[in-house]
Amino acid sequence: MTGDGGARRITVLGAALAPDHRELIAGAGLVLGARRHLEAAGVRPERALVLGPLAPALDRLAELLAGPSAAAAPQADAVVLASGDPGFFGIVRALAERFGPDALDVRPGTSSVAEAFARLGLPWDDAVVVSAHGRDPRTAFNICRSRRKTAVLTAPGAGPAELGAALLATPGIARRLVVACDLGGADERVERVTPAEAAARDWPGVHVVLCLAEDGVGVGSMRSVAGWPGPQFGPDTAEAGWALPEERFEHRDAMLTKAEVRALVLARLGPRLGELVWDVGAGSGSVAIECARLGAAVVAVERAEDGVRRVRSNARAHDVDVSVVHGSAPQALAELPTPDAVFVGGGGADLPDIVAACARRARRTVVVTLAAVDRVPTVRAALLASGFTAEGTQLQASRLSPLPGGVSRLAATNPVFVLWGTRLPDPDPESPVASSTEPPAEPPIEPSIEPSIEPSAPLSGDTL
């Protein structure tokens, strides 16, 4: 492993004022940290570097480590003052990438996430932890929509207000928020709010937000894998995998996507944790529910009232959260948050218009199933006109069916066309084609490194 620092040491302190750390700080040639950490540790200005932009701080460290050893710094060439556990969404990653792990002596404190759950008396080995600091906030929003126990490390522009608004945009996803600030400090605050209350307030600073199911205490069952391990480790081991049998869903007159077709649809949609999928013309909701089981946040759009009821019933039966919108596409799509992938089922005369509306919004892919061969060309044309590829196949499965005498026959299912498209890269960001196909995005966040106490000190660790 290569690095700039050789064998010389950088000590990273997650609890800067611990008694045995004062000698390390006093003997360091350079001490880096947020301004308040440096002041609390009494670091003299000539040895202090207030952390701000990452690159200059790392360059300064590299200069120190490349220079001759100073008698005044026998224990460590540099000390980095952080908060909590600096190896958990903190400065350790950037330091290890630049100088190599062998150059680091990391002495962590307690993670802000652990502190936040401790205030509620809850375990957190079953929680998903996501950072929105310097990252696209959609990932955090979608994980909060799909998972019932999430901790979010926030940042300006991706804080409690934005998270609350994102949850309100997907009706039927019932969540409660716990906003924690300055944990362990003199100004510690732990507030319980609804998404609507969070969205209506200003939240200065950086927080840890716990997003929890509204209707549960959050304890969860015993587990062997932390975080969200996927459906294969769920409580119902009979449902491991995907493309579940049709009998696992309530439906009307076998009007649902068959398991064999669903398997290909899921493969092309690629639902995953942190992404949002639309199921347009959801019917029984079988595709929506399978996407939710694979970790995605899901919005199901269904125009029939009895279909809406079935989707909700099936979601409860499979213990997943699906936001169900009662309405007709494309009108019902206008106010929905931007999807990563869209599934369109059915085959009415307005199918090409619906596909075009979905393609204008989809960030990554659109998948369509239909029975009528006559509509294949118009659906392909809608995908191509929206800046997508247009591929497809026709599926017809024949299932083994028992006959008297212990023998079997092949029972054919109806043939189905599966079409899919992937968004093409913009050929020219300034061109009319590029501007017309680019999906709307939520406001970006300025790039930064890991979360910190102060927005001006992005290297100080994971906690408040």
Protein backbone atom coordinates (compact mmCIF):
# COMPACT_ATOMS: atom_id res chain seq x y z
CA MET A 1 0.00 0.00 0.00
CA THR A 2 1.41 3.35 -1.02
CA GLY A 3 0.98 6.70 0.67
CA ASP A 4 2.65 10.03 1.18
CA GLY A 5 3.44 9.52 4.81
CA GLY A 6 5.63 6.43 5.09
CA ALA A 7 5.87 5.25 8.69
CA ARG A 8 5.31 8.66 10.28
CA ARG A 9 2.16 9.07 12.30
CA ILE A 10 -1.08 11.03 12.13
CA THR A 11 -3.12 10.63 15.28
CA VAL A 12 -6.87 11.05 14.82
CA LEU A 13 -8.74 11.75 18.05
CA GLY A 14 -12.48 11.20 18.21
CA ALA A 15 -12.72 12.61 21.73
CA ALA A 16 -10.28 15.49 21.68
CA LEU A 17 -10.36 16.43 25.37
CA ALA A 18 -9.85 13.00 26.93
CA PRO A 19 -7.16 13.29 29.66
CA ASP A 20 -4.61 11.06 27.92
CA HIS A 21 -4.93 13.07 24.70
CA ARG A 22 -3.65 16.39 26.02
CA GLU A 23 -0.04 15.26 25.92
CA LEU A 24 -0.46 14.09 22.33
CA ILE A 25 -1.94 17.44 21.33
CA ALA A 26 0.80 19.39 23.14
CA GLY A 27 3.56 17.41 21.39
CA ALA A 28 2.18 17.57 17.85
CA GLY A 29 3.83 19.68 15.18
CA LEU A 30 0.44 20.44 13.62
CA VAL A 31 -3.09 20.12 15.01
CA LEU A 32 -6.04 20.13 12.62
CA GLY A 33 -9.68 20.47 13.57
CA ALA A 34 -12.81 22.57 13.64
CA ARG A 35 -12.26 25.98 15.20
CA ARG A 36 -14.22 25.13 18.33
CA HIS A 37 -12.23 21.91 18.83
CA LEU A 38 -8.92 23.75 18.50
CA GLU A 39 -10.02 26.44 20.93
CA ALA A 40 -11.32 23.91 23.45
CA ALA A 41 -8.00 22.04 23.31
CA GLY A 42 -6.01 25.27 23.76
CA VAL A 43 -3.93 24.78 20.62
CA ARG A 44 -1.57 27.69 19.93
CA PRO A 45 -2.33 29.49 16.63
CA GLU A 46 1.08 28.74 15.09
CA ARG A 47 0.41 24.97 15.36
CA ALA A 48 -3.30 25.06 14.49
CA LEU A 49 -4.98 24.55 11.13
CA VAL A 50 -8.72 25.17 10.99
CA LEU A 51 -10.27 22.54 8.77
CA GLY A 52 -12.20 23.72 5.75
CA PRO A 53 -11.58 22.58 2.17
CA LEU A 54 -10.09 19.10 2.11
CA ALA A 55 -7.30 19.38 -0.46
CA PRO A 56 -5.28 22.20 1.21
CA ALA A 57 -5.45 20.43 4.57
CA LEU A 58 -4.12 17.19 3.11
CA ASP A 59 -1.39 19.06 1.24
CA ARG A 60 -0.29 20.76 4.46
CA LEU A 61 -0.15 17.39 6.19
CA ALA A 62 1.91 15.95 3.35
CA GLU A 63 4.42 18.80 3.65
CA LEU A 64 4.77 18.17 7.38
CA LEU A 65 5.23 14.43 6.99
CA ALA A 66 7.81 14.89 4.23
CA GLY A 67 9.92 17.27 6.31
CA PRO A 68 12.59 16.47 8.90
CA SER A 69 11.43 15.12 12.23
CA ALA A 70 10.97 17.85 14.84
CA ALA A 71 12.20 17.31 18.36
CA ALA A 72 9.12 19.13 19.56
CA ALA A 73 6.86 16.44 18.14
CA PRO A 74 8.18 13.13 19.46
CA GLN A 75 4.80 11.39 19.70
CA ALA A 76 2.98 12.40 16.52
CA ASP A 77 3.75 14.56 13.55
CA ALA A 78 0.14 15.70 13.40
CA VAL A 79 -3.06 15.37 15.38
CA VAL A 80 -6.50 15.62 13.84
CA LEU A 81 -9.27 16.59 16.27
CA ALA A 82 -12.55 14.98 15.23
CA SER A 83 -15.87 14.15 16.84
CA GLY A 84 -17.37 10.78 17.60
CA ASP A 85 -16.07 7.94 15.45
CA PRO A 86 -13.91 9.47 12.66
CA GLY A 87 -13.87 6.11 10.86
CA PHE A 88 -17.65 6.20 10.41
CA PHE A 89 -18.41 8.62 7.55
CA GLY A 90 -15.46 10.65 8.81
CA ILE A 91 -11.96 11.90 8.06
CA VAL A 92 -10.24 8.51 8.38
CA ARG A 93 -11.19 7.50 4.82
CA ALA A 94 -9.60 10.58 3.24
CA LEU A 95 -6.48 10.26 5.41
CA ALA A 96 -6.06 6.54 4.70
CA GLU A 97 -6.45 7.07 0.95
CA ARG A 98 -3.80 9.81 0.92
CA PHE A 99 -1.26 8.57 3.48
CA GLY A 100 -2.06 4.86 3.91
CA PRO A 101 -3.65 3.17 6.94
CA ASP A 102 -0.25 2.45 8.52
CA ALA A 103 0.33 6.18 8.95
CA LEU A 104 -2.77 6.55 11.13
CA ASP A 105 -3.35 6.08 14.84
CA VAL A 106 -7.14 6.33 15.20
CA ARG A 107 -8.70 6.71 18.64
CA PRO A 108 -12.46 6.88 18.14
CA GLY A 109 -15.19 8.22 20.35
CA THR A 110 -18.86 7.24 20.20
CA SER A 111 -20.68 7.67 16.89
CA SER A 112 -23.42 10.29 16.79
CA VAL A 113 -25.76 7.62 15.44
CA ALA A 114 -25.12 5.44 18.48
CA GLU A 115 -25.65 8.47 20.72
CA ALA A 116 -28.94 9.35 19.02
CA PHE A 117 -30.40 5.85 19.32
CA ALA A 118 -29.16 5.66 22.90
CA ARG A 119 -31.20 8.75 23.76
CA LEU A 120 -34.30 6.82 22.63
CA GLY A 121 -33.32 3.59 24.37
CA LEU A 122 -33.31 1.73 21.05
CA PRO A 123 -30.90 -0.78 19.49
CA TRP A 124 -29.59 0.21 16.07
CA ASP A 125 -28.03 -2.91 14.57
CA ASP A 126 -31.11 -3.09 12.33
CA ALA A 127 -30.93 0.55 11.20
CA VAL A 128 -29.72 1.74 7.81
CA VAL A 129 -27.29 4.66 8.14
CA VAL A 130 -26.94 7.10 5.23
CA SER A 131 -25.02 10.33 4.83
CA ALA A 132 -26.45 13.24 2.85
CA HIS A 133 -23.39 15.39 3.48
CA GLY A 134 -21.83 16.34 0.14
CA ARG A 135 -23.89 13.69 -1.63
CA ASP A 136 -27.07 13.54 -3.69
CA PRO A 137 -29.84 13.77 -1.05
CA ARG A 138 -32.18 11.55 -3.09
CA THR A 139 -30.40 8.48 -1.73
CA ALA A 140 -31.21 9.46 1.86
CA PHE A 141 -34.77 10.46 0.98
CA ASN A 142 -35.48 7.17 -0.78
CA ILE A 143 -33.98 5.03 1.97
CA CYS A 144 -36.19 6.83 4.50
CA ARG A 145 -39.18 6.09 2.25
CA SER A 146 -38.35 2.39 1.94
CA ARG A 147 -36.84 1.45 5.31
CA ARG A 148 -38.53 1.83 8.67
CA LYS A 149 -35.44 2.54 10.73
CA THR A 150 -32.94 4.94 9.19
CA ALA A 151 -30.33 7.34 10.55
CA VAL A 152 -29.45 10.28 8.30
CA LEU A 153 -26.32 12.39 8.71
CA THR A 154 -27.55 15.69 7.33
CA ALA A 155 -26.02 18.79 5.78
CA PRO A 156 -27.21 22.26 4.82
CA GLY A 157 -29.69 21.81 1.97
CA ALA A 158 -30.26 18.18 2.94
CA GLY A 159 -31.55 18.54 6.47
CA PRO A 160 -34.69 17.78 8.46
CA ALA A 161 -36.85 20.21 6.45
CA GLU A 162 -35.89 18.70 3.10
CA LEU A 163 -36.31 15.17 4.45
CA GLY A 164 -39.76 16.01 5.83
CA ALA A 165 -40.82 17.49 2.49
CA ALA A 166 -39.58 14.41 0.62
CA LEU A 167 -41.63 12.12 2.85
CA LEU A 168 -44.73 14.26 2.34
CA ALA A 169 -44.29 13.84 -1.44
CA THR A 170 -44.98 10.10 -1.17
CA PRO A 171 -48.38 9.70 0.53
CA GLY A 172 -48.96 6.61 2.63
CA ILE A 173 -45.37 6.31 3.88
CA ALA A 174 -45.94 6.88 7.60
CA ARG A 175 -42.82 8.06 9.40
CA ARG A 176 -41.84 9.97 12.54
CA LEU A 177 -38.61 11.94 12.81
CA VAL A 178 -36.23 12.45 15.70
CA VAL A 179 -33.84 15.37 15.17
CA ALA A 180 -30.71 15.33 17.34
CA CYS A 181 -28.25 18.20 17.65
CA ASP A 182 -25.06 18.77 19.71
CA LEU A 183 -25.31 15.36 21.38
CA GLY A 184 -23.29 15.33 24.58
CA GLY A 185 -22.77 19.10 24.40
CA ALA A 186 -24.14 21.99 26.38
CA ASP A 187 -26.75 22.74 23.71
CA GLU A 188 -27.96 19.17 23.16
CA ARG A 189 -31.43 18.94 21.67
CA VAL A 190 -33.47 15.86 20.78
CA GLU A 191 -36.81 16.74 19.16
CA ARG A 192 -39.57 14.46 17.96
CA VAL A 193 -41.46 15.88 14.98
CA THR A 194 -43.73 14.79 12.16
CA PRO A 195 -42.53 15.17 8.56
CA ALA A 196 -44.92 18.12 8.15
CA GLU A 197 -43.52 19.83 11.25
CA ALA A 198 -39.95 19.23 10.07
CA ALA A 199 -40.70 20.62 6.61
CA ALA A 200 -42.18 23.82 8.06
CA ARG A 201 -39.12 24.81 10.12
CA ASP A 202 -35.62 26.14 9.60
CA TRP A 203 -32.91 23.84 10.95
CA PRO A 204 -29.53 25.61 11.07
CA GLY A 205 -26.44 23.48 11.46
CA VAL A 206 -25.82 19.78 10.91
CA HIS A 207 -27.98 17.17 12.58
CA VAL A 208 -28.55 13.47 12.95
CA VAL A 209 -32.11 12.58 12.00
CA LEU A 210 -33.67 9.26 12.91
CA CYS A 211 -36.50 8.32 10.56
CA LEU A 212 -38.69 5.66 12.16
CA ALA A 213 -41.92 3.88 11.32
CA GLU A 214 -44.86 5.79 12.73
CA ASP A 215 -46.62 2.70 14.05
CA GLY A 216 -43.81 0.87 15.85
CA VAL A 217 -41.51 1.18 18.86
CA GLY A 218 -38.43 0.46 16.73
CA VAL A 219 -36.99 -2.43 18.74
CA GLY A 220 -37.01 -5.04 15.96
CA SER A 221 -36.18 -8.73 16.14
CA MET A 222 -32.88 -10.44 16.90
CA ARG A 223 -30.56 -10.53 13.90
CA SER A 224 -27.09 -11.66 12.83
CA VAL A 225 -26.50 -9.13 10.01
CA ALA A 226 -26.44 -5.38 10.68
CA GLY A 227 -28.25 -2.80 8.58
CA TRP A 228 -30.56 -4.00 5.83
CA PRO A 229 -29.38 -7.41 4.59
CA GLY A 230 -32.06 -7.84 1.92
CA PRO A 231 -35.15 -10.05 1.64
CA GLN A 232 -33.18 -13.28 1.84
CA PHE A 233 -32.69 -12.65 5.57
CA GLY A 234 -36.28 -11.57 6.21
CA PRO A 235 -38.61 -13.18 8.74
CA ASP A 236 -40.44 -15.17 6.04
CA THR A 237 -37.76 -17.43 4.57
CA ALA A 238 -40.33 -18.91 2.17
CA GLU A 239 -40.21 -15.58 0.33
CA ALA A 240 -36.46 -15.51 -0.20
CA GLY A 241 -35.52 -14.32 -3.67
CA TRP A 242 -37.84 -12.64 -6.17
CA ALA A 243 -40.42 -13.41 -8.88
CA LEU A 244 -42.77 -14.79 -6.23
CA PRO A 245 -45.59 -17.14 -7.24
CA GLU A 246 -48.87 -15.49 -8.25
CA GLU A 247 -50.69 -17.05 -5.31
CA ARG A 248 -48.64 -14.85 -2.98
CA PHE A 249 -50.65 -11.84 -4.21
CA GLU A 250 -54.30 -10.95 -3.99
CA HIS A 251 -55.52 -10.31 -7.55
CA ARG A 252 -58.62 -10.15 -9.75
CA ASP A 253 -59.14 -12.83 -12.41
CA ALA A 254 -55.38 -13.58 -12.64
CA MET A 255 -54.80 -9.96 -13.71
CA LEU A 256 -51.21 -9.59 -12.53
CA THR A 257 -47.74 -9.83 -14.00
CA LYS A 258 -46.81 -13.51 -14.12
CA ALA A 259 -43.75 -14.70 -12.21
CA GLU A 260 -41.67 -15.47 -15.31
CA VAL A 261 -42.35 -12.04 -16.80
CA ARG A 262 -41.81 -10.38 -13.44
CA ALA A 263 -38.35 -11.94 -13.20
CA LEU A 264 -37.24 -10.24 -16.43
CA VAL A 265 -38.97 -6.97 -15.51
CA LEU A 266 -37.10 -6.87 -12.18
CA ALA A 267 -33.81 -7.66 -13.91
CA ARG A 268 -34.29 -4.72 -16.28
CA LEU A 269 -35.58 -2.32 -13.61
CA GLY A 270 -32.70 -3.10 -11.25
CA PRO A 271 -34.48 -1.90 -8.07
CA ARG A 272 -32.03 -1.15 -5.28
CA LEU A 273 -31.68 0.55 -1.93
CA GLY A 274 -31.60 4.34 -2.28
CA GLU A 275 -33.55 4.53 -5.55
CA LEU A 276 -37.18 5.31 -6.37
CA VAL A 277 -39.32 3.17 -8.71
CA TRP A 278 -42.71 4.02 -10.18
CA ASP A 279 -45.17 1.21 -10.95
CA VAL A 280 -47.66 2.83 -13.34
CA GLY A 281 -50.87 0.86 -13.87
CA ALA A 282 -50.01 -1.18 -10.80
CA GLY A 283 -52.99 -3.56 -10.82
CA SER A 284 -52.31 -5.93 -7.93
CA GLY A 285 -49.00 -4.22 -7.18
CA SER A 286 -46.89 -7.35 -7.64
CA VAL A 287 -44.04 -5.49 -9.37
CA ALA A 288 -44.21 -2.60 -6.89
CA ILE A 289 -44.04 -4.98 -3.94
CA GLU A 290 -41.15 -6.97 -5.37
CA CYS A 291 -39.20 -3.74 -5.95
CA ALA A 292 -39.88 -2.71 -2.35
CA ARG A 293 -38.71 -6.10 -1.09
CA LEU A 294 -35.44 -5.51 -2.96
CA GLY A 295 -34.89 -2.24 -1.10
CA ALA A 296 -36.24 0.44 -3.45
CA ALA A 297 -38.68 3.16 -2.51
CA VAL A 298 -41.82 2.64 -4.61
CA VAL A 299 -44.78 4.70 -5.79
CA ALA A 300 -47.65 2.67 -7.30
CA VAL A 301 -50.11 4.53 -9.53
CA GLU A 302 -53.47 2.83 -10.08
CA ARG A 303 -56.68 4.31 -11.52
CA ALA A 304 -59.16 1.65 -10.28
CA GLU A 305 -60.37 2.03 -6.71
CA ASP A 306 -60.45 -1.72 -6.12
CA GLY A 307 -56.93 -1.94 -7.54
CA VAL A 308 -55.72 0.68 -5.04
CA ARG A 309 -57.21 -1.41 -2.26
CA ARG A 310 -55.48 -4.56 -3.52
CA VAL A 311 -52.08 -2.88 -3.80
CA ARG A 312 -52.32 -1.66 -0.21
CA SER A 313 -53.51 -5.05 1.00
CA ASN A 314 -50.68 -6.87 -0.78
CA ALA A 315 -48.11 -4.42 0.58
CA ARG A 316 -49.33 -5.07 4.13
CA ALA A 317 -49.25 -8.82 3.53
CA HIS A 318 -45.61 -8.61 2.39
CA ASP A 319 -44.68 -6.14 5.15
CA VAL A 320 -43.32 -3.46 2.81
CA ASP A 321 -44.10 0.23 2.40
CA VAL A 322 -45.50 1.33 -0.96
CA SER A 323 -46.88 4.79 -1.64
CA VAL A 324 -50.15 4.27 -3.54
CA VAL A 325 -51.55 7.06 -5.72
CA HIS A 326 -55.14 6.76 -6.90
CA GLY A 327 -55.25 8.35 -10.34
CA SER A 328 -54.69 7.95 -14.07
CA ALA A 329 -51.41 8.43 -15.88
CA PRO A 330 -50.03 10.65 -17.19
CA GLN A 331 -51.94 13.27 -15.16
CA ALA A 332 -51.23 11.55 -11.82
CA LEU A 333 -47.47 11.61 -12.43
CA ALA A 334 -46.98 15.37 -12.46
CA GLU A 335 -46.42 15.91 -8.71
CA LEU A 336 -44.52 12.71 -7.97
CA PRO A 337 -40.82 12.82 -7.02
CA THR A 338 -38.39 11.98 -9.82
CA PRO A 339 -37.97 8.20 -10.29
CA ASP A 340 -34.82 6.31 -11.11
CA ALA A 341 -36.75 3.55 -12.89
CA VAL A 342 -40.33 3.18 -14.12
CA PHE A 343 -42.44 0.10 -14.85
CA VAL A 344 -45.50 0.57 -17.06
CA GLY A 345 -48.02 -2.28 -17.18
CA GLY A 346 -51.11 -2.61 -19.31
CA GLY A 347 -51.76 -1.85 -22.95
CA GLY A 348 -54.42 0.78 -23.60
CA ALA A 349 -54.52 3.11 -26.58
CA ASP A 350 -52.83 5.85 -24.51
CA LEU A 351 -49.85 3.61 -23.68
CA PRO A 352 -47.33 5.48 -25.92
CA ASP A 353 -48.26 8.81 -24.28
CA ILE A 354 -47.85 7.29 -20.81
CA VAL A 355 -44.48 5.79 -21.75
CA ALA A 356 -43.32 9.15 -23.12
CA ALA A 357 -44.40 10.92 -19.92
CA CYS A 358 -42.56 8.37 -17.80
CA ALA A 359 -39.43 8.55 -19.96
CA ARG A 360 -39.28 12.32 -19.59
CA ARG A 361 -38.97 11.88 -15.83
CA ALA A 362 -37.01 8.63 -15.43
CA ARG A 363 -33.35 9.05 -14.57
CA ARG A 364 -32.20 5.60 -15.61
CA THR A 365 -34.61 3.12 -17.20
CA VAL A 366 -38.19 2.44 -18.30
CA VAL A 367 -39.68 -1.07 -18.65
CA VAL A 368 -43.02 -1.78 -20.35
CA THR A 369 -45.10 -4.94 -20.65
CA LEU A 370 -47.89 -5.33 -23.21
CA ALA A 371 -49.79 -8.06 -25.02
CA ALA A 372 -50.67 -6.37 -28.35
CA VAL A 373 -47.97 -6.61 -31.01
CA ASP A 374 -49.52 -3.60 -32.79
CA ARG A 375 -48.42 -1.28 -29.95
CA VAL A 376 -44.79 -2.41 -29.88
CA PRO A 377 -43.63 0.05 -32.60
CA THR A 378 -45.29 3.07 -30.96
CA VAL A 379 -43.85 2.24 -27.54
CA ARG A 380 -40.38 1.83 -29.04
CA ALA A 381 -40.79 5.15 -30.84
CA ALA A 382 -41.78 6.85 -27.57
CA LEU A 383 -38.63 5.55 -25.87
CA LEU A 384 -36.34 6.55 -28.71
CA ALA A 385 -37.86 10.03 -28.96
CA SER A 386 -37.20 10.56 -25.25
CA GLY A 387 -33.50 9.81 -25.49
CA PHE A 388 -33.62 6.15 -24.47
CA THR A 389 -32.51 2.94 -26.08
CA ALA A 390 -35.36 0.64 -27.15
CA GLU A 391 -34.92 -3.10 -26.66
CA GLY A 392 -37.34 -5.91 -26.11
CA THR A 393 -38.31 -9.54 -26.17
CA GLN A 394 -41.41 -11.69 -26.30
CA LEU A 395 -41.87 -14.16 -23.46
CA GLN A 396 -44.09 -17.22 -23.36
CA ALA A 397 -43.61 -19.71 -20.57
CA SER A 398 -44.98 -23.24 -20.49
CA ARG A 399 -45.40 -24.60 -17.00
CA LEU A 400 -45.46 -28.21 -15.93
CA SER A 401 -49.02 -29.22 -15.06
CA PRO A 402 -49.94 -32.58 -13.50
CA LEU A 403 -52.08 -35.10 -15.31
CA PRO A 404 -53.75 -38.25 -13.94
CA GLY A 405 -51.43 -41.19 -13.64
CA GLY A 406 -48.50 -39.26 -12.23
CA VAL A 407 -47.49 -37.64 -15.53
CA SER A 408 -47.28 -33.99 -16.55
CA ARG A 409 -48.04 -31.80 -19.52
CA LEU A 410 -46.89 -28.32 -20.54
CA ALA A 411 -49.51 -25.61 -19.90
CA ALA A 412 -48.77 -22.47 -21.92
CA THR A 413 -49.18 -18.99 -20.48
CA ASN A 414 -50.14 -16.03 -22.66
CA PRO A 415 -47.29 -14.42 -24.61
CA VAL A 416 -46.15 -11.02 -23.35
CA PHE A 417 -43.87 -8.41 -24.87
CA VAL A 418 -41.32 -6.85 -22.52
CA LEU A 419 -39.76 -3.63 -23.83
CA TRP A 420 -37.15 -1.59 -22.01
CA GLY A 421 -35.00 1.45 -22.55
CA THR A 422 -32.00 2.98 -20.82
CA ARG A 423 -31.37 6.70 -20.86
CA LEU A 424 -28.57 7.61 -23.26
CA PRO A 425 -25.81 10.01 -22.18
CA ASP A 426 -26.37 13.59 -23.22
CA PRO A 427 -24.45 14.12 -26.50
CA ASP A 428 -24.13 17.83 -25.76
CA PRO A 429 -25.30 19.37 -22.48
CA GLU A 430 -26.17 22.59 -24.33
CA SER A 431 -28.15 20.95 -27.12
CA PRO A 432 -31.97 21.11 -27.31
CA VAL A 433 -32.12 17.30 -27.23
CA ALA A 434 -30.10 17.13 -24.04
CA SER A 435 -32.15 19.82 -22.33
CA SER A 436 -35.43 18.20 -23.35
CA THR A 437 -34.53 14.74 -22.07
CA GLU A 438 -32.74 15.67 -18.87
CA PRO A 439 -34.99 14.63 -15.94
CA PRO A 440 -35.73 17.19 -13.25
CA ALA A 441 -33.48 16.91 -10.23
CA GLU A 442 -33.71 17.94 -6.64
CA PRO A 443 -31.38 20.82 -5.68
CA PRO A 444 -27.72 19.70 -5.59
CA ILE A 445 -25.44 20.08 -2.60
CA GLU A 446 -22.00 21.57 -2.83
CA PRO A 447 -19.39 18.79 -2.81
CA SER A 448 -17.76 18.20 0.53
CA ILE A 449 -16.24 15.47 2.60
CA GLU A 450 -17.71 13.74 5.62
CA PRO A 451 -20.25 15.35 7.99
CA SER A 452 -19.10 17.58 10.78
CA ILE A 453 -20.19 19.78 13.60
CA GLU A 454 -19.72 22.97 11.62
CA PRO A 455 -20.36 23.39 7.88
CA SER A 456 -16.99 25.15 7.63
CA ALA A 457 -15.18 22.15 9.12
CA PRO A 458 -16.13 19.15 6.97
CA LEU A 459 -13.29 16.93 8.18
CA SER A 460 -14.17 16.72 11.83
CA GLY A 461 -16.01 13.42 11.98
CA ASP A 462 -19.51 12.01 12.01
CA THR A 463 -21.14 13.52 15.05
CA LEU A 464 -22.65 16.64 16.36
